[in-house]
Amino acid sequence: MGLWYDEEHAGISRIGLKVERTLFMGQSPYQKIAIVETAALGRALLLDDTWMAAEGEERIYHEMIVHPALTTAPRICRVLVIGGGDGGTVREVLRYPEVERVDQVEIDEMVVQASQEYLPSIGTAWNDPRLNVLIGDGIVFVRDAPAASYEVILVDSSDPVGPAKGLFSESFYRDCHRLLVENGVLVVQSESPFAMRREHLNILLTLKAVFSEVHPYYGPVSIYPGGFWSWAYAPRGVDWRQPLSERMLAIEAESEYYNRTIHMAAFAQPNCVQRALVA
């Protein structure tokens, strides 16, 4: 049978991949970190035995957390990324020549160091001079940063447990709202609408307490529970239905998954979500 690495979800399901070899195993002050070589999806990152990213499909997740916001926000000069220690999210952000500065705040330095060494195909933009990597607590950073500092904020966090739990609170979202300029956009990863329905709806409703509009959108990520994932788009005066044509043309030409039809289709909401948001 060989060696398999299984993520157990809620004691009722497992997501497993056959592992060829272990490349890195470490324990940071925050979490257990593993990088393994899998037979199906190449190198993959796990945090506390939970699949985070795999070379063979990471572009779907990273394209979807980034491009709906960056193709629609009028200005994208200043971008804040919370989390994203594997480097995939900042890689996608830095595909835009209009971006002048990206501040990435990652709490766990070991995740960044291990990803830089063992996942170079994911984090290809670490040396871009526009990127400013800060090792620290994203909650503290958004609390203390000046108002109207960013046009786009992307929260690429792990699940709402452990060091990431506070990244799903109303107070954190209020600080993000304060940091956004008018006509800015916040996007957060918002869990599986089916395997984690309660958590997904809680995130959307918490965002709704702060932002006048919240639009969840969806896409496939096979290594995550349920195989179907979500992100939440919370704008300040930006219409998700109007991506800018020149940006879209440039981005979709070299994207693996994201394009204008995916953009429009991704925002279709399951009935269970629609009912919860209008309740």
C-alpha atoms as a PDB file:
ATOM      1  CA  MET A   1       0.000   0.000   0.000  1.00  0.00           C
ATOM      2  CA  GLY A   2       2.863   2.436   0.699  1.00  0.00           C
ATOM      3  CA  LEU A   3       2.665   5.498   2.945  1.00  0.00           C
ATOM      4  CA  TRP A   4      -0.489   7.615   2.931  1.00  0.00           C
ATOM      5  CA  TYR A   5      -1.013  10.953   4.658  1.00  0.00           C
ATOM      6  CA  ASP A   6      -4.619  11.408   5.751  1.00  0.00           C
ATOM      7  CA  GLU A   7      -6.356  14.535   7.013  1.00  0.00           C
ATOM      8  CA  GLU A   8      -9.250  13.646   9.260  1.00  0.00           C
ATOM      9  CA  HIS A   9     -12.180  16.052   9.184  1.00  0.00           C
ATOM     10  CA  ALA A  10     -14.626  16.280  12.094  1.00  0.00           C
ATOM     11  CA  GLY A  11     -14.146  12.608  12.899  1.00  0.00           C
ATOM     12  CA  ILE A  12     -16.343  11.563   9.974  1.00  0.00           C
ATOM     13  CA  SER A  13     -14.238  11.815   6.798  1.00  0.00           C
ATOM     14  CA  ARG A  14     -10.667  11.709   5.538  1.00  0.00           C
ATOM     15  CA  ILE A  15      -8.761  13.264   2.674  1.00  0.00           C
ATOM     16  CA  GLY A  16      -5.672  11.209   1.840  1.00  0.00           C
ATOM     17  CA  LEU A  17      -2.804  11.295  -0.636  1.00  0.00           C
ATOM     18  CA  LYS A  18      -0.103   8.715  -1.222  1.00  0.00           C
ATOM     19  CA  VAL A  19       3.247  10.108  -0.074  1.00  0.00           C
ATOM     20  CA  GLU A  20       6.506   9.324  -1.831  1.00  0.00           C
ATOM     21  CA  ARG A  21       8.726  11.029   0.756  1.00  0.00           C
ATOM     22  CA  THR A  22       8.726  13.594   3.531  1.00  0.00           C
ATOM     23  CA  LEU A  23      10.718  16.718   2.688  1.00  0.00           C
ATOM     24  CA  PHE A  24      10.275  18.738   5.873  1.00  0.00           C
ATOM     25  CA  MET A  25       8.791  18.222   9.308  1.00  0.00           C
ATOM     26  CA  GLY A  26       8.906  20.855  12.012  1.00  0.00           C
ATOM     27  CA  GLN A  27       7.107  22.245  15.032  1.00  0.00           C
ATOM     28  CA  SER A  28       6.905  26.042  15.238  1.00  0.00           C
ATOM     29  CA  PRO A  29       5.596  27.952  18.278  1.00  0.00           C
ATOM     30  CA  TYR A  30       2.209  27.935  16.517  1.00  0.00           C
ATOM     31  CA  GLN A  31       1.722  24.647  14.692  1.00  0.00           C
ATOM     32  CA  LYS A  32       3.107  21.450  13.200  1.00  0.00           C
ATOM     33  CA  ILE A  33       4.426  21.982   9.674  1.00  0.00           C
ATOM     34  CA  ALA A  34       4.993  19.264   7.086  1.00  0.00           C
ATOM     35  CA  ILE A  35       5.946  19.328   3.417  1.00  0.00           C
ATOM     36  CA  VAL A  36       5.633  16.037   1.567  1.00  0.00           C
ATOM     37  CA  GLU A  37       6.019  14.752  -1.974  1.00  0.00           C
ATOM     38  CA  THR A  38       2.764  13.141  -3.108  1.00  0.00           C
ATOM     39  CA  ALA A  39       2.215  10.781  -6.005  1.00  0.00           C
ATOM     40  CA  ALA A  40      -0.868  12.583  -7.308  1.00  0.00           C
ATOM     41  CA  LEU A  41      -0.266  16.306  -6.763  1.00  0.00           C
ATOM     42  CA  GLY A  42       3.455  16.812  -6.272  1.00  0.00           C
ATOM     43  CA  ARG A  43       4.763  18.643  -3.243  1.00  0.00           C
ATOM     44  CA  ALA A  44       2.220  19.630  -0.620  1.00  0.00           C
ATOM     45  CA  LEU A  45       2.083  21.664   2.572  1.00  0.00           C
ATOM     46  CA  LEU A  46       0.232  20.573   5.714  1.00  0.00           C
ATOM     47  CA  LEU A  47      -0.325  22.584   8.892  1.00  0.00           C
ATOM     48  CA  ASP A  48      -1.377  20.600  11.971  1.00  0.00           C
ATOM     49  CA  ASP A  49      -2.026  17.611   9.681  1.00  0.00           C
ATOM     50  CA  THR A  50      -4.392  19.657   7.497  1.00  0.00           C
ATOM     51  CA  TRP A  51      -3.763  19.992   3.760  1.00  0.00           C
ATOM     52  CA  MET A  52      -3.006  23.611   2.820  1.00  0.00           C
ATOM     53  CA  ALA A  53      -1.602  23.613  -0.719  1.00  0.00           C
ATOM     54  CA  ALA A  54      -0.382  21.133  -3.311  1.00  0.00           C
ATOM     55  CA  GLU A  55       1.590  21.907  -6.461  1.00  0.00           C
ATOM     56  CA  GLY A  56      -0.806  20.027  -8.727  1.00  0.00           C
ATOM     57  CA  GLU A  57      -3.851  22.159  -7.919  1.00  0.00           C
ATOM     58  CA  GLU A  58      -2.815  25.194  -5.859  1.00  0.00           C
ATOM     59  CA  ARG A  59      -3.372  27.607  -8.724  1.00  0.00           C
ATOM     60  CA  ILE A  60      -7.144  27.209  -8.472  1.00  0.00           C
ATOM     61  CA  TYR A  61      -7.192  28.383  -4.858  1.00  0.00           C
ATOM     62  CA  HIS A  62      -4.640  31.143  -5.303  1.00  0.00           C
ATOM     63  CA  GLU A  63      -6.142  32.496  -8.519  1.00  0.00           C
ATOM     64  CA  MET A  64      -9.586  32.565  -6.929  1.00  0.00           C
ATOM     65  CA  ILE A  65      -8.597  34.327  -3.725  1.00  0.00           C
ATOM     66  CA  VAL A  66      -6.779  37.049  -5.687  1.00  0.00           C
ATOM     67  CA  HIS A  67      -8.271  37.840  -9.078  1.00  0.00           C
ATOM     68  CA  PRO A  68     -11.937  38.604  -8.351  1.00  0.00           C
ATOM     69  CA  ALA A  69     -10.751  41.486  -6.151  1.00  0.00           C
ATOM     70  CA  LEU A  70      -7.834  42.671  -8.280  1.00  0.00           C
ATOM     71  CA  THR A  71      -9.780  42.681 -11.541  1.00  0.00           C
ATOM     72  CA  THR A  72     -12.598  44.769 -10.032  1.00  0.00           C
ATOM     73  CA  ALA A  73     -11.063  47.266  -7.581  1.00  0.00           C
ATOM     74  CA  PRO A  74     -10.506  50.588  -9.421  1.00  0.00           C
ATOM     75  CA  ARG A  75      -7.028  51.034  -7.921  1.00  0.00           C
ATOM     76  CA  ILE A  76      -4.713  48.235  -6.782  1.00  0.00           C
ATOM     77  CA  CYS A  77      -1.500  50.067  -5.931  1.00  0.00           C
ATOM     78  CA  ARG A  78      -1.402  48.942  -2.286  1.00  0.00           C
ATOM     79  CA  VAL A  79      -2.352  45.395  -1.304  1.00  0.00           C
ATOM     80  CA  LEU A  80      -2.288  43.717   2.108  1.00  0.00           C
ATOM     81  CA  VAL A  81      -2.089  39.926   2.396  1.00  0.00           C
ATOM     82  CA  ILE A  82      -2.692  38.332   5.798  1.00  0.00           C
ATOM     83  CA  GLY A  83      -1.267  34.804   5.946  1.00  0.00           C
ATOM     84  CA  GLY A  84      -0.417  33.026   2.722  1.00  0.00           C
ATOM     85  CA  GLY A  85       2.959  31.768   3.930  1.00  0.00           C
ATOM     86  CA  ASP A  86       3.342  29.352   0.999  1.00  0.00           C
ATOM     87  CA  GLY A  87       3.748  32.356  -1.339  1.00  0.00           C
ATOM     88  CA  GLY A  88       1.011  31.512  -3.843  1.00  0.00           C
ATOM     89  CA  THR A  89      -1.273  34.436  -3.080  1.00  0.00           C
ATOM     90  CA  VAL A  90       1.421  37.120  -3.321  1.00  0.00           C
ATOM     91  CA  ARG A  91       2.639  35.484  -6.532  1.00  0.00           C
ATOM     92  CA  GLU A  92      -0.770  36.043  -8.117  1.00  0.00           C
ATOM     93  CA  VAL A  93      -1.051  39.607  -6.757  1.00  0.00           C
ATOM     94  CA  LEU A  94       2.328  40.538  -8.203  1.00  0.00           C
ATOM     95  CA  ARG A  95       1.255  39.517 -11.695  1.00  0.00           C
ATOM     96  CA  TYR A  96      -0.366  42.960 -11.908  1.00  0.00           C
ATOM     97  CA  PRO A  97       2.045  45.710 -12.996  1.00  0.00           C
ATOM     98  CA  GLU A  98      -0.240  48.304 -11.350  1.00  0.00           C
ATOM     99  CA  VAL A  99       0.579  46.884  -7.915  1.00  0.00           C
ATOM    100  CA  GLU A 100       3.238  49.069  -6.328  1.00  0.00           C
ATOM    101  CA  ARG A 101       3.510  47.461  -2.878  1.00  0.00           C
ATOM    102  CA  VAL A 102       2.350  44.271  -1.201  1.00  0.00           C
ATOM    103  CA  ASP A 103       2.586  43.960   2.564  1.00  0.00           C
ATOM    104  CA  GLN A 104       2.355  40.316   3.592  1.00  0.00           C
ATOM    105  CA  VAL A 105       1.852  39.630   7.304  1.00  0.00           C
ATOM    106  CA  GLU A 106       2.475  36.002   8.263  1.00  0.00           C
ATOM    107  CA  ILE A 107       2.581  34.937  11.897  1.00  0.00           C
ATOM    108  CA  ASP A 108       4.701  31.818  11.408  1.00  0.00           C
ATOM    109  CA  GLU A 109       8.196  32.423  10.062  1.00  0.00           C
ATOM    110  CA  MET A 110       8.854  28.700   9.808  1.00  0.00           C
ATOM    111  CA  VAL A 111       6.045  28.324   7.235  1.00  0.00           C
ATOM    112  CA  VAL A 112       7.652  30.984   5.052  1.00  0.00           C
ATOM    113  CA  GLN A 113      11.158  29.545   5.393  1.00  0.00           C
ATOM    114  CA  ALA A 114      10.065  25.966   4.706  1.00  0.00           C
ATOM    115  CA  SER A 115       7.938  27.041   1.729  1.00  0.00           C
ATOM    116  CA  GLN A 116      10.771  29.074   0.248  1.00  0.00           C
ATOM    117  CA  GLU A 117      13.066  26.063   0.424  1.00  0.00           C
ATOM    118  CA  TYR A 118      10.741  23.198  -0.464  1.00  0.00           C
ATOM    119  CA  LEU A 119       7.886  24.792  -2.462  1.00  0.00           C
ATOM    120  CA  PRO A 120       9.728  27.058  -4.930  1.00  0.00           C
ATOM    121  CA  SER A 121       7.218  26.334  -7.702  1.00  0.00           C
ATOM    122  CA  ILE A 122       4.447  27.926  -5.606  1.00  0.00           C
ATOM    123  CA  GLY A 123       6.283  30.915  -4.169  1.00  0.00           C
ATOM    124  CA  THR A 124       7.942  32.351  -7.263  1.00  0.00           C
ATOM    125  CA  ALA A 125       7.714  36.021  -6.243  1.00  0.00           C
ATOM    126  CA  TRP A 126       9.609  36.140  -2.945  1.00  0.00           C
ATOM    127  CA  ASN A 127      12.340  38.309  -4.499  1.00  0.00           C
ATOM    128  CA  ASP A 128      10.002  40.817  -6.139  1.00  0.00           C
ATOM    129  CA  PRO A 129      11.074  44.256  -4.810  1.00  0.00           C
ATOM    130  CA  ARG A 130       7.417  45.257  -4.394  1.00  0.00           C
ATOM    131  CA  LEU A 131       6.897  42.574  -1.727  1.00  0.00           C
ATOM    132  CA  ASN A 132       7.389  43.418   1.944  1.00  0.00           C
ATOM    133  CA  VAL A 133       7.146  40.311   4.149  1.00  0.00           C
ATOM    134  CA  LEU A 134       6.438  41.010   7.809  1.00  0.00           C
ATOM    135  CA  ILE A 135       6.563  38.238  10.402  1.00  0.00           C
ATOM    136  CA  GLY A 136       3.905  39.074  12.943  1.00  0.00           C
ATOM    137  CA  ASP A 137       0.307  38.830  14.053  1.00  0.00           C
ATOM    138  CA  GLY A 138      -2.130  40.006  11.379  1.00  0.00           C
ATOM    139  CA  ILE A 139      -4.700  40.911  14.038  1.00  0.00           C
ATOM    140  CA  VAL A 140      -2.285  43.323  15.694  1.00  0.00           C
ATOM    141  CA  PHE A 141      -1.136  44.675  12.338  1.00  0.00           C
ATOM    142  CA  VAL A 142      -4.603  45.674  11.131  1.00  0.00           C
ATOM    143  CA  ARG A 143      -5.451  47.104  14.552  1.00  0.00           C
ATOM    144  CA  ASP A 144      -2.436  49.422  14.504  1.00  0.00           C
ATOM    145  CA  ALA A 145      -2.077  50.318  10.802  1.00  0.00           C
ATOM    146  CA  PRO A 146      -3.262  53.756   9.576  1.00  0.00           C
ATOM    147  CA  ALA A 147      -6.763  54.101   8.141  1.00  0.00           C
ATOM    148  CA  ALA A 148      -7.264  53.954   4.354  1.00  0.00           C
ATOM    149  CA  SER A 149      -3.891  52.255   3.811  1.00  0.00           C
ATOM    150  CA  TYR A 150      -4.892  49.685   1.176  1.00  0.00           C
ATOM    151  CA  GLU A 151      -7.038  49.261  -1.903  1.00  0.00           C
ATOM    152  CA  VAL A 152      -7.272  45.473  -1.491  1.00  0.00           C
ATOM    153  CA  ILE A 153      -6.942  43.224   1.565  1.00  0.00           C
ATOM    154  CA  LEU A 154      -6.718  39.434   1.139  1.00  0.00           C
ATOM    155  CA  VAL A 155      -6.985  37.141   4.162  1.00  0.00           C
ATOM    156  CA  ASP A 156      -5.406  33.819   3.178  1.00  0.00           C
ATOM    157  CA  SER A 157      -5.710  32.079   6.518  1.00  0.00           C
ATOM    158  CA  SER A 158      -6.017  28.530   7.742  1.00  0.00           C
ATOM    159  CA  ASP A 159      -9.206  27.307   9.453  1.00  0.00           C
ATOM    160  CA  PRO A 160     -10.693  29.341  12.342  1.00  0.00           C
ATOM    161  CA  VAL A 161      -8.813  27.492  15.077  1.00  0.00           C
ATOM    162  CA  GLY A 162      -5.478  28.069  16.796  1.00  0.00           C
ATOM    163  CA  PRO A 163      -3.464  31.101  15.629  1.00  0.00           C
ATOM    164  CA  ALA A 164      -6.005  31.908  12.866  1.00  0.00           C
ATOM    165  CA  LYS A 165      -9.115  32.019  15.064  1.00  0.00           C
ATOM    166  CA  GLY A 166      -9.035  35.785  15.582  1.00  0.00           C
ATOM    167  CA  LEU A 167      -8.908  36.410  11.835  1.00  0.00           C
ATOM    168  CA  PHE A 168     -12.626  35.533  11.683  1.00  0.00           C
ATOM    169  CA  SER A 169     -13.879  37.954  14.338  1.00  0.00           C
ATOM    170  CA  GLU A 170     -16.057  41.027  13.899  1.00  0.00           C
ATOM    171  CA  SER A 171     -13.377  43.236  15.463  1.00  0.00           C
ATOM    172  CA  PHE A 172     -10.823  42.044  12.900  1.00  0.00           C
ATOM    173  CA  TYR A 173     -13.227  42.730  10.041  1.00  0.00           C
ATOM    174  CA  ARG A 174     -13.907  46.208  11.429  1.00  0.00           C
ATOM    175  CA  ASP A 175     -10.182  46.922  11.418  1.00  0.00           C
ATOM    176  CA  CYS A 176      -9.963  45.684   7.818  1.00  0.00           C
ATOM    177  CA  HIS A 177     -12.866  47.960   6.870  1.00  0.00           C
ATOM    178  CA  ARG A 178     -11.019  50.908   8.436  1.00  0.00           C
ATOM    179  CA  LEU A 179      -7.826  50.070   6.513  1.00  0.00           C
ATOM    180  CA  LEU A 180      -9.609  49.981   3.144  1.00  0.00           C
ATOM    181  CA  VAL A 181      -9.981  53.066   0.988  1.00  0.00           C
ATOM    182  CA  GLU A 182     -13.351  53.871  -0.520  1.00  0.00           C
ATOM    183  CA  ASN A 183     -13.764  51.638  -3.568  1.00  0.00           C
ATOM    184  CA  GLY A 184     -11.606  49.000  -1.904  1.00  0.00           C
ATOM    185  CA  VAL A 185     -12.211  45.258  -1.508  1.00  0.00           C
ATOM    186  CA  LEU A 186     -11.667  42.723   1.275  1.00  0.00           C
ATOM    187  CA  VAL A 187     -11.574  39.026   0.368  1.00  0.00           C
ATOM    188  CA  VAL A 188     -11.323  36.250   2.961  1.00  0.00           C
ATOM    189  CA  GLN A 189     -11.227  32.506   2.574  1.00  0.00           C
ATOM    190  CA  SER A 190     -14.518  31.313   4.034  1.00  0.00           C
ATOM    191  CA  GLU A 191     -14.414  27.506   4.324  1.00  0.00           C
ATOM    192  CA  SER A 192     -16.539  24.841   2.628  1.00  0.00           C
ATOM    193  CA  PRO A 193     -20.230  25.690   2.149  1.00  0.00           C
ATOM    194  CA  PHE A 194     -21.139  22.040   2.611  1.00  0.00           C
ATOM    195  CA  ALA A 195     -18.545  20.258   4.770  1.00  0.00           C
ATOM    196  CA  MET A 196     -18.279  23.326   7.025  1.00  0.00           C
ATOM    197  CA  ARG A 197     -21.639  24.980   6.465  1.00  0.00           C
ATOM    198  CA  ARG A 198     -21.984  26.432   9.962  1.00  0.00           C
ATOM    199  CA  GLU A 199     -18.502  27.997   9.818  1.00  0.00           C
ATOM    200  CA  HIS A 200     -19.112  29.301   6.299  1.00  0.00           C
ATOM    201  CA  LEU A 201     -22.383  30.982   7.211  1.00  0.00           C
ATOM    202  CA  ASN A 202     -20.941  32.392  10.439  1.00  0.00           C
ATOM    203  CA  ILE A 203     -18.146  34.068   8.462  1.00  0.00           C
ATOM    204  CA  LEU A 204     -20.610  35.609   6.011  1.00  0.00           C
ATOM    205  CA  LEU A 205     -22.928  36.852   8.754  1.00  0.00           C
ATOM    206  CA  THR A 206     -20.027  38.285  10.753  1.00  0.00           C
ATOM    207  CA  LEU A 207     -18.840  40.148   7.664  1.00  0.00           C
ATOM    208  CA  LYS A 208     -22.388  41.414   7.100  1.00  0.00           C
ATOM    209  CA  ALA A 209     -22.293  43.070  10.506  1.00  0.00           C
ATOM    210  CA  VAL A 210     -19.447  45.267   9.209  1.00  0.00           C
ATOM    211  CA  PHE A 211     -19.799  45.560   5.425  1.00  0.00           C
ATOM    212  CA  SER A 212     -22.973  46.662   3.677  1.00  0.00           C
ATOM    213  CA  GLU A 213     -22.404  44.038   0.974  1.00  0.00           C
ATOM    214  CA  VAL A 214     -20.982  40.523   1.234  1.00  0.00           C
ATOM    215  CA  HIS A 215     -20.781  38.233  -1.793  1.00  0.00           C
ATOM    216  CA  PRO A 216     -19.571  34.639  -1.329  1.00  0.00           C
ATOM    217  CA  TYR A 217     -18.091  32.863  -4.310  1.00  0.00           C
ATOM    218  CA  TYR A 218     -17.047  29.277  -4.919  1.00  0.00           C
ATOM    219  CA  GLY A 219     -14.624  26.941  -6.634  1.00  0.00           C
ATOM    220  CA  PRO A 220     -13.187  23.394  -6.526  1.00  0.00           C
ATOM    221  CA  VAL A 221     -10.241  22.464  -4.297  1.00  0.00           C
ATOM    222  CA  SER A 222      -9.994  18.689  -4.119  1.00  0.00           C
ATOM    223  CA  ILE A 223      -7.696  18.459  -1.078  1.00  0.00           C
ATOM    224  CA  TYR A 224     -10.039  20.501   1.134  1.00  0.00           C
ATOM    225  CA  PRO A 225     -13.023  18.963   2.984  1.00  0.00           C
ATOM    226  CA  GLY A 226     -15.940  18.512   0.610  1.00  0.00           C
ATOM    227  CA  GLY A 227     -13.783  19.299  -2.433  1.00  0.00           C
ATOM    228  CA  PHE A 228     -15.635  22.608  -2.844  1.00  0.00           C
ATOM    229  CA  TRP A 229     -14.374  25.837  -1.299  1.00  0.00           C
ATOM    230  CA  SER A 230     -15.464  29.420  -0.806  1.00  0.00           C
ATOM    231  CA  TRP A 231     -14.216  32.958  -0.521  1.00  0.00           C
ATOM    232  CA  ALA A 232     -16.111  36.059   0.589  1.00  0.00           C
ATOM    233  CA  TYR A 233     -15.911  39.345  -1.315  1.00  0.00           C
ATOM    234  CA  ALA A 234     -16.699  42.349   0.892  1.00  0.00           C
ATOM    235  CA  PRO A 235     -16.452  45.631  -1.055  1.00  0.00           C
ATOM    236  CA  ARG A 236     -16.616  49.292  -0.194  1.00  0.00           C
ATOM    237  CA  GLY A 237     -18.401  50.628  -3.254  1.00  0.00           C
ATOM    238  CA  VAL A 238     -17.062  48.124  -5.810  1.00  0.00           C
ATOM    239  CA  ASP A 239     -19.262  45.971  -8.060  1.00  0.00           C
ATOM    240  CA  TRP A 240     -18.006  42.395  -8.418  1.00  0.00           C
ATOM    241  CA  ARG A 241     -19.931  42.123 -11.713  1.00  0.00           C
ATOM    242  CA  GLN A 242     -17.735  44.660 -13.491  1.00  0.00           C
ATOM    243  CA  PRO A 243     -14.151  43.408 -13.874  1.00  0.00           C
ATOM    244  CA  LEU A 244     -11.926  45.817 -15.766  1.00  0.00           C
ATOM    245  CA  SER A 245     -11.448  44.532 -19.314  1.00  0.00           C
ATOM    246  CA  GLU A 246      -7.750  45.303 -19.745  1.00  0.00           C
ATOM    247  CA  ARG A 247      -6.807  43.639 -16.471  1.00  0.00           C
ATOM    248  CA  MET A 248      -8.986  40.625 -17.183  1.00  0.00           C
ATOM    249  CA  LEU A 249      -7.485  40.155 -20.646  1.00  0.00           C
ATOM    250  CA  ALA A 250      -3.972  40.187 -19.259  1.00  0.00           C
ATOM    251  CA  ILE A 251      -4.686  37.907 -16.314  1.00  0.00           C
ATOM    252  CA  GLU A 252      -6.862  35.254 -17.929  1.00  0.00           C
ATOM    253  CA  ALA A 253      -4.364  34.792 -20.767  1.00  0.00           C
ATOM    254  CA  GLU A 254      -1.911  33.100 -18.383  1.00  0.00           C
ATOM    255  CA  SER A 255      -4.193  31.746 -15.658  1.00  0.00           C
ATOM    256  CA  GLU A 256      -4.748  28.038 -15.271  1.00  0.00           C
ATOM    257  CA  TYR A 257      -8.321  28.299 -13.970  1.00  0.00           C
ATOM    258  CA  TYR A 258      -9.590  31.865 -13.634  1.00  0.00           C
ATOM    259  CA  ASN A 259     -11.241  33.725 -16.519  1.00  0.00           C
ATOM    260  CA  ARG A 260     -14.219  36.035 -17.046  1.00  0.00           C
ATOM    261  CA  THR A 261     -16.787  33.235 -17.263  1.00  0.00           C
ATOM    262  CA  ILE A 262     -15.430  31.557 -14.127  1.00  0.00           C
ATOM    263  CA  HIS A 263     -15.581  34.965 -12.417  1.00  0.00           C
ATOM    264  CA  MET A 264     -19.277  35.428 -13.147  1.00  0.00           C
ATOM    265  CA  ALA A 265     -20.263  31.821 -12.454  1.00  0.00           C
ATOM    266  CA  ALA A 266     -18.360  31.613  -9.153  1.00  0.00           C
ATOM    267  CA  PHE A 267     -20.671  34.146  -7.489  1.00  0.00           C
ATOM    268  CA  ALA A 268     -23.789  31.999  -7.990  1.00  0.00           C
ATOM    269  CA  GLN A 269     -25.051  31.137  -4.495  1.00  0.00           C
ATOM    270  CA  PRO A 270     -26.509  27.839  -3.286  1.00  0.00           C
ATOM    271  CA  ASN A 271     -30.035  28.193  -1.880  1.00  0.00           C
ATOM    272  CA  CYS A 272     -28.872  27.447   1.664  1.00  0.00           C
ATOM    273  CA  VAL A 273     -26.540  30.451   1.508  1.00  0.00           C
ATOM    274  CA  GLN A 274     -29.111  32.767  -0.091  1.00  0.00           C
ATOM    275  CA  ARG A 275     -31.654  31.956   2.604  1.00  0.00           C
ATOM    276  CA  ALA A 276     -29.173  32.545   5.419  1.00  0.00           C
ATOM    277  CA  LEU A 277     -28.030  35.902   4.042  1.00  0.00           C
ATOM    278  CA  VAL A 278     -31.543  37.308   3.662  1.00  0.00           C
ATOM    279  CA  ALA A 279     -32.837  35.950   6.977  1.00  0.00           C
END
